[in-house]
Amino acid sequence: VQENVLQRVLQLPVVSSTCETLQRKYSSTKESHPLMASVCEVYERGVQGAGALAMWGMEPVVRRLEPQCAFLTMLSPKAVAVANNLACRGLDHLEEKIPALQYPVDK
């Protein structure tokens, strides 16, 4: 089974615990401060709208590039695997040199 460098990074205790802590703090802040909750909700809707607008704007470009991307994907799955493998080896090196990556943020 091919390792995926992005999945490995997200599973690092320091990364996963940071994401969990941020999510808890964000939710707690929204629950504790009604004014802040309304600001956050407006911001969230704005981000969703901007994402939808960006997707809509990019659709013609993606449609136009899709045949070339499909062709490149057919030609270079090995290149993607090589890049992923190289990134995994780099991550191995970082994990060896920086033991703190194996611990949650609070440790």
PDB file of N, CA and C in Angstrom:
ATOM      1  N   VAL A   1       0.856  -1.191   0.000  1.00  0.00           N
ATOM      2  CA  VAL A   1       0.000   0.000   0.000  1.00  0.00           C
ATOM      3  C   VAL A   1       0.895   1.246   0.000  1.00  0.00           C
ATOM      4  N   GLN A   2       0.633   2.129  -0.932  1.00  0.00           N
ATOM      5  CA  GLN A   2       1.405   3.360  -1.070  1.00  0.00           C
ATOM      6  C   GLN A   2       1.035   4.342   0.043  1.00  0.00           C
ATOM      7  N   GLU A   3       2.034   4.826   0.759  1.00  0.00           N
ATOM      8  CA  GLU A   3       1.788   5.840   1.787  1.00  0.00           C
ATOM      9  C   GLU A   3       1.437   7.157   1.109  1.00  0.00           C
ATOM     10  N   ASN A   4       0.611   7.934   1.763  1.00  0.00           N
ATOM     11  CA  ASN A   4       0.249   9.249   1.262  1.00  0.00           C
ATOM     12  C   ASN A   4       0.824  10.268   2.236  1.00  0.00           C
ATOM     13  N   VAL A   5       1.689  11.135   1.737  1.00  0.00           N
ATOM     14  CA  VAL A   5       2.387  12.067   2.618  1.00  0.00           C
ATOM     15  C   VAL A   5       1.408  13.023   3.319  1.00  0.00           C
ATOM     16  N   LEU A   6       0.361  13.439   2.623  1.00  0.00           N
ATOM     17  CA  LEU A   6      -0.595  14.339   3.253  1.00  0.00           C
ATOM     18  C   LEU A   6      -1.310  13.655   4.412  1.00  0.00           C
ATOM     19  N   GLN A   7      -1.717  12.400   4.220  1.00  0.00           N
ATOM     20  CA  GLN A   7      -2.360  11.659   5.309  1.00  0.00           C
ATOM     21  C   GLN A   7      -1.402  11.491   6.480  1.00  0.00           C
ATOM     22  N   ARG A   8      -0.146  11.219   6.176  1.00  0.00           N
ATOM     23  CA  ARG A   8       0.836  11.064   7.257  1.00  0.00           C
ATOM     24  C   ARG A   8       0.995  12.356   8.052  1.00  0.00           C
ATOM     25  N   VAL A   9       1.066  13.484   7.357  1.00  0.00           N
ATOM     26  CA  VAL A   9       1.222  14.771   8.053  1.00  0.00           C
ATOM     27  C   VAL A   9       0.010  15.036   8.937  1.00  0.00           C
ATOM     28  N   LEU A  10      -1.192  14.780   8.398  1.00  0.00           N
ATOM     29  CA  LEU A  10      -2.408  15.024   9.181  1.00  0.00           C
ATOM     30  C   LEU A  10      -2.512  14.096  10.384  1.00  0.00           C
ATOM     31  N   GLN A  11      -1.859  12.940  10.332  1.00  0.00           N
ATOM     32  CA  GLN A  11      -1.901  11.996  11.445  1.00  0.00           C
ATOM     33  C   GLN A  11      -0.812  12.233  12.476  1.00  0.00           C
ATOM     34  N   LEU A  12       0.121  13.141  12.187  1.00  0.00           N
ATOM     35  CA  LEU A  12       1.135  13.456  13.193  1.00  0.00           C
ATOM     36  C   LEU A  12       0.428  14.001  14.433  1.00  0.00           C
ATOM     37  N   PRO A  13       0.786  13.503  15.615  1.00  0.00           N
ATOM     38  CA  PRO A  13       0.125  13.976  16.841  1.00  0.00           C
ATOM     39  C   PRO A  13       0.135  15.495  16.997  1.00  0.00           C
ATOM     40  N   VAL A  14       1.238  16.144  16.647  1.00  0.00           N
ATOM     41  CA  VAL A  14       1.304  17.596  16.813  1.00  0.00           C
ATOM     42  C   VAL A  14       0.314  18.289  15.874  1.00  0.00           C
ATOM     43  N   VAL A  15       0.122  17.773  14.682  1.00  0.00           N
ATOM     44  CA  VAL A  15      -0.806  18.382  13.729  1.00  0.00           C
ATOM     45  C   VAL A  15      -2.251  18.069  14.113  1.00  0.00           C
ATOM     46  N   SER A  16      -2.538  16.800  14.361  1.00  0.00           N
ATOM     47  CA  SER A  16      -3.925  16.429  14.686  1.00  0.00           C
ATOM     48  C   SER A  16      -4.387  17.088  15.982  1.00  0.00           C
ATOM     49  N   SER A  17      -3.519  17.155  16.987  1.00  0.00           N
ATOM     50  CA  SER A  17      -3.927  17.778  18.245  1.00  0.00           C
ATOM     51  C   SER A  17      -4.106  19.286  18.085  1.00  0.00           C
ATOM     52  N   THR A  18      -3.305  19.914  17.235  1.00  0.00           N
ATOM     53  CA  THR A  18      -3.464  21.343  16.968  1.00  0.00           C
ATOM     54  C   THR A  18      -4.810  21.609  16.299  1.00  0.00           C
ATOM     55  N   CYS A  19      -5.151  20.788  15.303  1.00  0.00           N
ATOM     56  CA  CYS A  19      -6.443  20.947  14.619  1.00  0.00           C
ATOM     57  C   CYS A  19      -7.604  20.745  15.586  1.00  0.00           C
ATOM     58  N   GLU A  20      -7.506  19.726  16.430  1.00  0.00           N
ATOM     59  CA  GLU A  20      -8.572  19.466  17.408  1.00  0.00           C
ATOM     60  C   GLU A  20      -8.702  20.620  18.393  1.00  0.00           C
ATOM     61  N   THR A  21      -7.587  21.131  18.874  1.00  0.00           N
ATOM     62  CA  THR A  21      -7.601  22.249  19.821  1.00  0.00           C
ATOM     63  C   THR A  21      -8.221  23.484  19.192  1.00  0.00           C
ATOM     64  N   LEU A  22      -7.830  23.791  17.961  1.00  0.00           N
ATOM     65  CA  LEU A  22      -8.396  24.956  17.277  1.00  0.00           C
ATOM     66  C   LEU A  22      -9.901  24.810  17.086  1.00  0.00           C
ATOM     67  N   GLN A  23     -10.344  23.606  16.709  1.00  0.00           N
ATOM     68  CA  GLN A  23     -11.776  23.374  16.520  1.00  0.00           C
ATOM     69  C   GLN A  23     -12.536  23.553  17.827  1.00  0.00           C
ATOM     70  N   ARG A  24     -11.988  23.001  18.918  1.00  0.00           N
ATOM     71  CA  ARG A  24     -12.643  23.148  20.224  1.00  0.00           C
ATOM     72  C   ARG A  24     -12.712  24.616  20.641  1.00  0.00           C
ATOM     73  N   LYS A  25     -11.611  25.341  20.478  1.00  0.00           N
ATOM     74  CA  LYS A  25     -11.573  26.761  20.865  1.00  0.00           C
ATOM     75  C   LYS A  25     -12.564  27.570  20.040  1.00  0.00           C
ATOM     76  N   TYR A  26     -12.614  27.300  18.754  1.00  0.00           N
ATOM     77  CA  TYR A  26     -13.521  28.021  17.863  1.00  0.00           C
ATOM     78  C   TYR A  26     -14.969  27.775  18.285  1.00  0.00           C
ATOM     79  N   SER A  27     -15.311  26.501  18.497  1.00  0.00           N
ATOM     80  CA  SER A  27     -16.683  26.155  18.908  1.00  0.00           C
ATOM     81  C   SER A  27     -17.013  26.756  20.271  1.00  0.00           C
ATOM     82  N   SER A  28     -16.085  26.663  21.189  1.00  0.00           N
ATOM     83  CA  SER A  28     -16.292  27.195  22.539  1.00  0.00           C
ATOM     84  C   SER A  28     -16.494  28.714  22.504  1.00  0.00           C
ATOM     85  N   THR A  29     -15.709  29.398  21.703  1.00  0.00           N
ATOM     86  CA  THR A  29     -15.829  30.858  21.585  1.00  0.00           C
ATOM     87  C   THR A  29     -17.187  31.232  21.013  1.00  0.00           C
ATOM     88  N   LYS A  30     -17.611  30.497  19.993  1.00  0.00           N
ATOM     89  CA  LYS A  30     -18.921  30.772  19.388  1.00  0.00           C
ATOM     90  C   LYS A  30     -20.045  30.536  20.397  1.00  0.00           C
ATOM     91  N   GLU A  31     -19.923  29.486  21.210  1.00  0.00           N
ATOM     92  CA  GLU A  31     -20.963  29.183  22.200  1.00  0.00           C
ATOM     93  C   GLU A  31     -20.980  30.207  23.337  1.00  0.00           C
ATOM     94  N   SER A  32     -19.805  30.668  23.740  1.00  0.00           N
ATOM     95  CA  SER A  32     -19.697  31.563  24.902  1.00  0.00           C
ATOM     96  C   SER A  32     -20.002  33.024  24.593  1.00  0.00           C
ATOM     97  N   HIS A  33     -19.790  33.431  23.354  1.00  0.00           N
ATOM     98  CA  HIS A  33     -19.916  34.845  23.001  1.00  0.00           C
ATOM     99  C   HIS A  33     -20.861  34.996  21.807  1.00  0.00           C
ATOM    100  N   PRO A  34     -22.133  35.296  22.079  1.00  0.00           N
ATOM    101  CA  PRO A  34     -23.123  35.397  20.998  1.00  0.00           C
ATOM    102  C   PRO A  34     -22.736  36.391  19.897  1.00  0.00           C
ATOM    103  N   LEU A  35     -22.151  37.519  20.281  1.00  0.00           N
ATOM    104  CA  LEU A  35     -21.757  38.496  19.268  1.00  0.00           C
ATOM    105  C   LEU A  35     -20.668  37.911  18.364  1.00  0.00           C
ATOM    106  N   MET A  36     -19.717  37.274  18.992  1.00  0.00           N
ATOM    107  CA  MET A  36     -18.640  36.650  18.220  1.00  0.00           C
ATOM    108  C   MET A  36     -19.202  35.538  17.329  1.00  0.00           C
ATOM    109  N   ALA A  37     -20.200  34.811  17.838  1.00  0.00           N
ATOM    110  CA  ALA A  37     -20.818  33.746  17.046  1.00  0.00           C
ATOM    111  C   ALA A  37     -21.446  34.326  15.782  1.00  0.00           C
ATOM    112  N   SER A  38     -22.125  35.479  15.906  1.00  0.00           N
ATOM    113  CA  SER A  38     -22.723  36.057  14.699  1.00  0.00           C
ATOM    114  C   SER A  38     -21.665  36.536  13.723  1.00  0.00           C
ATOM    115  N   VAL A  39     -20.587  37.098  14.232  1.00  0.00           N
ATOM    116  CA  VAL A  39     -19.491  37.518  13.354  1.00  0.00           C
ATOM    117  C   VAL A  39     -18.894  36.300  12.647  1.00  0.00           C
ATOM    118  N   CYS A  40     -18.685  35.231  13.400  1.00  0.00           N
ATOM    119  CA  CYS A  40     -18.122  34.007  12.816  1.00  0.00           C
ATOM    120  C   CYS A  40     -19.044  33.422  11.748  1.00  0.00           C
ATOM    121  N   GLU A  41     -20.345  33.433  12.019  1.00  0.00           N
ATOM    122  CA  GLU A  41     -21.302  32.888  11.048  1.00  0.00           C
ATOM    123  C   GLU A  41     -21.310  33.713   9.764  1.00  0.00           C
ATOM    124  N   VAL A  42     -21.218  35.033   9.891  1.00  0.00           N
ATOM    125  CA  VAL A  42     -21.149  35.892   8.706  1.00  0.00           C
ATOM    126  C   VAL A  42     -19.869  35.578   7.933  1.00  0.00           C
ATOM    127  N   TYR A  43     -18.785  35.448   8.656  1.00  0.00           N
ATOM    128  CA  TYR A  43     -17.506  35.124   8.027  1.00  0.00           C
ATOM    129  C   TYR A  43     -17.591  33.760   7.328  1.00  0.00           C
ATOM    130  N   GLU A  44     -18.168  32.761   8.000  1.00  0.00           N
ATOM    131  CA  GLU A  44     -18.284  31.425   7.416  1.00  0.00           C
ATOM    132  C   GLU A  44     -19.103  31.457   6.128  1.00  0.00           C
ATOM    133  N   ARG A  45     -20.216  32.197   6.148  1.00  0.00           N
ATOM    134  CA  ARG A  45     -21.041  32.312   4.939  1.00  0.00           C
ATOM    135  C   ARG A  45     -20.258  33.019   3.835  1.00  0.00           C
ATOM    136  N   GLY A  46     -19.495  34.027   4.209  1.00  0.00           N
ATOM    137  CA  GLY A  46     -18.671  34.739   3.224  1.00  0.00           C
ATOM    138  C   GLY A  46     -17.640  33.825   2.587  1.00  0.00           C
ATOM    139  N   VAL A  47     -16.993  33.003   3.399  1.00  0.00           N
ATOM    140  CA  VAL A  47     -15.992  32.067   2.883  1.00  0.00           C
ATOM    141  C   VAL A  47     -16.657  31.042   1.965  1.00  0.00           C
ATOM    142  N   GLN A  48     -17.829  30.542   2.373  1.00  0.00           N
ATOM    143  CA  GLN A  48     -18.556  29.589   1.520  1.00  0.00           C
ATOM    144  C   GLN A  48     -18.934  30.240   0.198  1.00  0.00           C
ATOM    145  N   GLY A  49     -19.413  31.472   0.262  1.00  0.00           N
ATOM    146  CA  GLY A  49     -19.790  32.192  -0.963  1.00  0.00           C
ATOM    147  C   GLY A  49     -18.598  32.439  -1.858  1.00  0.00           C
ATOM    148  N   ALA A  50     -17.476  32.831  -1.252  1.00  0.00           N
ATOM    149  CA  ALA A  50     -16.263  33.072  -2.040  1.00  0.00           C
ATOM    150  C   ALA A  50     -15.780  31.776  -2.693  1.00  0.00           C
ATOM    151  N   GLY A  51     -15.870  30.676  -1.947  1.00  0.00           N
ATOM    152  CA  GLY A  51     -15.472  29.382  -2.515  1.00  0.00           C
ATOM    153  C   GLY A  51     -16.356  28.991  -3.680  1.00  0.00           C
ATOM    154  N   ALA A  52     -17.670  29.198  -3.522  1.00  0.00           N
ATOM    155  CA  ALA A  52     -18.610  28.871  -4.610  1.00  0.00           C
ATOM    156  C   ALA A  52     -18.343  29.758  -5.823  1.00  0.00           C
ATOM    157  N   LEU A  53     -18.084  31.045  -5.573  1.00  0.00           N
ATOM    158  CA  LEU A  53     -17.800  31.964  -6.672  1.00  0.00           C
ATOM    159  C   LEU A  53     -16.502  31.580  -7.382  1.00  0.00           C
ATOM    160  N   ALA A  54     -15.496  31.208  -6.606  1.00  0.00           N
ATOM    161  CA  ALA A  54     -14.226  30.781  -7.210  1.00  0.00           C
ATOM    162  C   ALA A  54     -14.420  29.520  -8.050  1.00  0.00           C
ATOM    163  N   MET A  55     -15.203  28.578  -7.535  1.00  0.00           N
ATOM    164  CA  MET A  55     -15.471  27.350  -8.297  1.00  0.00           C
ATOM    165  C   MET A  55     -16.200  27.683  -9.597  1.00  0.00           C
ATOM    166  N   TRP A  56     -17.194  28.567  -9.511  1.00  0.00           N
ATOM    167  CA  TRP A  56     -17.955  28.966 -10.691  1.00  0.00           C
ATOM    168  C   TRP A  56     -17.036  29.642 -11.707  1.00  0.00           C
ATOM    169  N   GLY A  57     -16.161  30.523 -11.223  1.00  0.00           N
ATOM    170  CA  GLY A  57     -15.241  31.240 -12.110  1.00  0.00           C
ATOM    171  C   GLY A  57     -14.193  30.336 -12.739  1.00  0.00           C
ATOM    172  N   MET A  58     -13.796  29.308 -12.017  1.00  0.00           N
ATOM    173  CA  MET A  58     -12.754  28.403 -12.516  1.00  0.00           C
ATOM    174  C   MET A  58     -13.306  27.302 -13.422  1.00  0.00           C
ATOM    175  N   GLU A  59     -14.611  27.092 -13.392  1.00  0.00           N
ATOM    176  CA  GLU A  59     -15.199  25.986 -14.148  1.00  0.00           C
ATOM    177  C   GLU A  59     -14.823  26.005 -15.634  1.00  0.00           C
ATOM    178  N   PRO A  60     -14.912  27.150 -16.327  1.00  0.00           N
ATOM    179  CA  PRO A  60     -14.524  27.134 -17.744  1.00  0.00           C
ATOM    180  C   PRO A  60     -13.052  26.778 -17.942  1.00  0.00           C
ATOM    181  N   VAL A  61     -12.204  27.255 -17.054  1.00  0.00           N
ATOM    182  CA  VAL A  61     -10.767  26.955 -17.164  1.00  0.00           C
ATOM    183  C   VAL A  61     -10.532  25.471 -16.945  1.00  0.00           C
ATOM    184  N   VAL A  62     -11.163  24.926 -15.908  1.00  0.00           N
ATOM    185  CA  VAL A  62     -11.001  23.502 -15.603  1.00  0.00           C
ATOM    186  C   VAL A  62     -11.527  22.661 -16.761  1.00  0.00           C
ATOM    187  N   ARG A  63     -12.675  23.039 -17.296  1.00  0.00           N
ATOM    188  CA  ARG A  63     -13.254  22.288 -18.406  1.00  0.00           C
ATOM    189  C   ARG A  63     -12.300  22.289 -19.603  1.00  0.00           C
ATOM    190  N   ARG A  64     -11.662  23.433 -19.815  1.00  0.00           N
ATOM    191  CA  ARG A  64     -10.742  23.556 -20.952  1.00  0.00           C
ATOM    192  C   ARG A  64      -9.453  22.753 -20.726  1.00  0.00           C
ATOM    193  N   LEU A  65      -8.982  22.727 -19.489  1.00  0.00           N
ATOM    194  CA  LEU A  65      -7.723  22.034 -19.181  1.00  0.00           C
ATOM    195  C   LEU A  65      -7.918  20.548 -18.899  1.00  0.00           C
ATOM    196  N   GLU A  66      -9.137  20.140 -18.649  1.00  0.00           N
ATOM    197  CA  GLU A  66      -9.400  18.760 -18.247  1.00  0.00           C
ATOM    198  C   GLU A  66      -8.794  17.717 -19.186  1.00  0.00           C
ATOM    199  N   PRO A  67      -8.935  17.859 -20.507  1.00  0.00           N
ATOM    200  CA  PRO A  67      -8.331  16.840 -21.385  1.00  0.00           C
ATOM    201  C   PRO A  67      -6.808  16.755 -21.218  1.00  0.00           C
ATOM    202  N   GLN A  68      -6.160  17.914 -21.080  1.00  0.00           N
ATOM    203  CA  GLN A  68      -4.705  17.892 -20.905  1.00  0.00           C
ATOM    204  C   GLN A  68      -4.318  17.284 -19.562  1.00  0.00           C
ATOM    205  N   CYS A  69      -5.087  17.604 -18.512  1.00  0.00           N
ATOM    206  CA  CYS A  69      -4.795  17.046 -17.187  1.00  0.00           C
ATOM    207  C   CYS A  69      -4.984  15.535 -17.191  1.00  0.00           C
ATOM    208  N   ALA A  70      -6.046  15.076 -17.853  1.00  0.00           N
ATOM    209  CA  ALA A  70      -6.275  13.628 -17.940  1.00  0.00           C
ATOM    210  C   ALA A  70      -5.117  12.967 -18.662  1.00  0.00           C
ATOM    211  N   PHE A  71      -4.643  13.610 -19.726  1.00  0.00           N
ATOM    212  CA  PHE A  71      -3.512  13.066 -20.490  1.00  0.00           C
ATOM    213  C   PHE A  71      -2.262  13.006 -19.613  1.00  0.00           C
ATOM    214  N   LEU A  72      -1.994  14.095 -18.872  1.00  0.00           N
ATOM    215  CA  LEU A  72      -0.814  14.118 -18.001  1.00  0.00           C
ATOM    216  C   LEU A  72      -0.915  13.080 -16.899  1.00  0.00           C
ATOM    217  N   THR A  73      -2.119  12.903 -16.356  1.00  0.00           N
ATOM    218  CA  THR A  73      -2.312  11.908 -15.306  1.00  0.00           C
ATOM    219  C   THR A  73      -2.023  10.515 -15.833  1.00  0.00           C
ATOM    220  N   MET A  74      -2.444  10.260 -17.069  1.00  0.00           N
ATOM    221  CA  MET A  74      -2.168   8.952 -17.667  1.00  0.00           C
ATOM    222  C   MET A  74      -0.671   8.765 -17.879  1.00  0.00           C
ATOM    223  N   LEU A  75       0.009   9.842 -18.262  1.00  0.00           N
ATOM    224  CA  LEU A  75       1.440   9.741 -18.541  1.00  0.00           C
ATOM    225  C   LEU A  75       2.290   9.667 -17.278  1.00  0.00           C
ATOM    226  N   SER A  76       1.850  10.340 -16.229  1.00  0.00           N
ATOM    227  CA  SER A  76       2.768  10.514 -15.116  1.00  0.00           C
ATOM    228  C   SER A  76       2.290  10.029 -13.754  1.00  0.00           C
ATOM    229  N   PRO A  77       1.525   8.931 -13.655  1.00  0.00           N
ATOM    230  CA  PRO A  77       1.216   8.468 -12.305  1.00  0.00           C
ATOM    231  C   PRO A  77       2.485   8.061 -11.574  1.00  0.00           C
ATOM    232  N   LYS A  78       3.462   7.612 -12.342  1.00  0.00           N
ATOM    233  CA  LYS A  78       4.737   7.240 -11.730  1.00  0.00           C
ATOM    234  C   LYS A  78       5.421   8.474 -11.138  1.00  0.00           C
ATOM    235  N   ALA A  79       5.332   9.609 -11.822  1.00  0.00           N
ATOM    236  CA  ALA A  79       5.942  10.844 -11.311  1.00  0.00           C
ATOM    237  C   ALA A  79       5.281  11.262  -9.997  1.00  0.00           C
ATOM    238  N   VAL A  80       3.962  11.121  -9.910  1.00  0.00           N
ATOM    239  CA  VAL A  80       3.252  11.445  -8.671  1.00  0.00           C
ATOM    240  C   VAL A  80       3.708  10.508  -7.561  1.00  0.00           C
ATOM    241  N   ALA A  81       3.834   9.224  -7.882  1.00  0.00           N
ATOM    242  CA  ALA A  81       4.286   8.246  -6.889  1.00  0.00           C
ATOM    243  C   ALA A  81       5.704   8.551  -6.430  1.00  0.00           C
ATOM    244  N   VAL A  82       6.558   8.941  -7.361  1.00  0.00           N
ATOM    245  CA  VAL A  82       7.943   9.277  -7.011  1.00  0.00           C
ATOM    246  C   VAL A  82       7.973  10.515  -6.105  1.00  0.00           C
ATOM    247  N   ALA A  83       7.181  11.535  -6.454  1.00  0.00           N
ATOM    248  CA  ALA A  83       7.139  12.755  -5.632  1.00  0.00           C
ATOM    249  C   ALA A  83       6.611  12.443  -4.238  1.00  0.00           C
ATOM    250  N   ASN A  84       5.566  11.613  -4.170  1.00  0.00           N
ATOM    251  CA  ASN A  84       5.006  11.235  -2.877  1.00  0.00           C
ATOM    252  C   ASN A  84       6.028  10.461  -2.054  1.00  0.00           C
ATOM    253  N   ASN A  85       6.722   9.541  -2.705  1.00  0.00           N
ATOM    254  CA  ASN A  85       7.746   8.748  -2.030  1.00  0.00           C
ATOM    255  C   ASN A  85       8.855   9.649  -1.495  1.00  0.00           C
ATOM    256  N   LEU A  86       9.274  10.593  -2.300  1.00  0.00           N
ATOM    257  CA  LEU A  86      10.313  11.532  -1.880  1.00  0.00           C
ATOM    258  C   LEU A  86       9.833  12.363  -0.689  1.00  0.00           C
ATOM    259  N   ALA A  87       8.599  12.827  -0.752  1.00  0.00           N
ATOM    260  CA  ALA A  87       8.043  13.606   0.359  1.00  0.00           C
ATOM    261  C   ALA A  87       7.937  12.753   1.622  1.00  0.00           C
ATOM    262  N   CYS A  88       7.557  11.481   1.474  1.00  0.00           N
ATOM    263  CA  CYS A  88       7.480  10.583   2.640  1.00  0.00           C
ATOM    264  C   CYS A  88       8.861  10.384   3.254  1.00  0.00           C
ATOM    265  N   ARG A  89       9.876  10.246   2.416  1.00  0.00           N
ATOM    266  CA  ARG A  89      11.243  10.100   2.957  1.00  0.00           C
ATOM    267  C   ARG A  89      11.668  11.371   3.674  1.00  0.00           C
ATOM    268  N   GLY A  90      11.300  12.523   3.130  1.00  0.00           N
ATOM    269  CA  GLY A  90      11.592  13.786   3.804  1.00  0.00           C
ATOM    270  C   GLY A  90      10.891  13.869   5.149  1.00  0.00           C
ATOM    271  N   LEU A  91       9.655  13.398   5.182  1.00  0.00           N
ATOM    272  CA  LEU A  91       8.896  13.383   6.441  1.00  0.00           C
ATOM    273  C   LEU A  91       9.530  12.421   7.439  1.00  0.00           C
ATOM    274  N   ASP A  92       9.997  11.265   6.957  1.00  0.00           N
ATOM    275  CA  ASP A  92      10.720  10.331   7.827  1.00  0.00           C
ATOM    276  C   ASP A  92      11.906  11.040   8.485  1.00  0.00           C
ATOM    277  N   HIS A  93      12.642  11.787   7.682  1.00  0.00           N
ATOM    278  CA  HIS A  93      13.819  12.516   8.178  1.00  0.00           C
ATOM    279  C   HIS A  93      13.404  13.554   9.226  1.00  0.00           C
ATOM    280  N   LEU A  94      12.332  14.306   8.935  1.00  0.00           N
ATOM    281  CA  LEU A  94      11.852  15.304   9.904  1.00  0.00           C
ATOM    282  C   LEU A  94      11.415  14.650  11.206  1.00  0.00           C
ATOM    283  N   GLU A  95      10.703  13.524  11.102  1.00  0.00           N
ATOM    284  CA  GLU A  95      10.241  12.836  12.304  1.00  0.00           C
ATOM    285  C   GLU A  95      11.419  12.337  13.126  1.00  0.00           C
ATOM    286  N   GLU A  96      12.483  11.943  12.463  1.00  0.00           N
ATOM    287  CA  GLU A  96      13.674  11.464  13.166  1.00  0.00           C
ATOM    288  C   GLU A  96      14.399  12.621  13.855  1.00  0.00           C
ATOM    289  N   LYS A  97      14.476  13.763  13.167  1.00  0.00           N
ATOM    290  CA  LYS A  97      15.238  14.907  13.694  1.00  0.00           C
ATOM    291  C   LYS A  97      14.433  15.763  14.674  1.00  0.00           C
ATOM    292  N   ILE A  98      13.092  15.703  14.581  1.00  0.00           N
ATOM    293  CA  ILE A  98      12.255  16.537  15.441  1.00  0.00           C
ATOM    294  C   ILE A  98      11.265  15.638  16.187  1.00  0.00           C
ATOM    295  N   PRO A  99      11.688  15.031  17.285  1.00  0.00           N
ATOM    296  CA  PRO A  99      10.821  14.116  18.031  1.00  0.00           C
ATOM    297  C   PRO A  99       9.518  14.764  18.514  1.00  0.00           C
ATOM    298  N   ALA A 100       9.510  16.077  18.684  1.00  0.00           N
ATOM    299  CA  ALA A 100       8.309  16.769  19.170  1.00  0.00           C
ATOM    300  C   ALA A 100       7.123  16.579  18.233  1.00  0.00           C
ATOM    301  N   LEU A 101       7.356  16.218  16.982  1.00  0.00           N
ATOM    302  CA  LEU A 101       6.258  15.982  16.047  1.00  0.00           C
ATOM    303  C   LEU A 101       5.389  14.802  16.482  1.00  0.00           C
ATOM    304  N   GLN A 102       5.954  13.932  17.315  1.00  0.00           N
ATOM    305  CA  GLN A 102       5.233  12.726  17.756  1.00  0.00           C
ATOM    306  C   GLN A 102       4.408  12.955  19.019  1.00  0.00           C
ATOM    307  N   TYR A 103       4.394  14.196  19.504  1.00  0.00           N
ATOM    308  CA  TYR A 103       3.652  14.485  20.725  1.00  0.00           C
ATOM    309  C   TYR A 103       2.559  15.507  20.467  1.00  0.00           C
ATOM    310  N   PRO A 104       1.446  15.391  21.181  1.00  0.00           N
ATOM    311  CA  PRO A 104       0.400  16.405  21.067  1.00  0.00           C
ATOM    312  C   PRO A 104       0.926  17.763  21.531  1.00  0.00           C
ATOM    313  N   VAL A 105       0.245  18.810  21.136  1.00  0.00           N
ATOM    314  CA  VAL A 105       0.680  20.166  21.452  1.00  0.00           C
ATOM    315  C   VAL A 105       0.839  20.397  22.939  1.00  0.00           C
ATOM    316  N   ASP A 106      -0.027  19.815  23.758  1.00  0.00           N
ATOM    317  CA  ASP A 106       0.009  20.080  25.194  1.00  0.00           C
ATOM    318  C   ASP A 106       1.118  19.350  25.943  1.00  0.00           C
ATOM    319  N   LYS A 107       1.920  18.567  25.270  1.00  0.00           N
ATOM    320  CA  LYS A 107       3.001  17.843  25.945  1.00  0.00           C
ATOM    321  C   LYS A 107       4.338  18.550  25.786  1.00  0.00           C
TER     322      LYS A 107
END
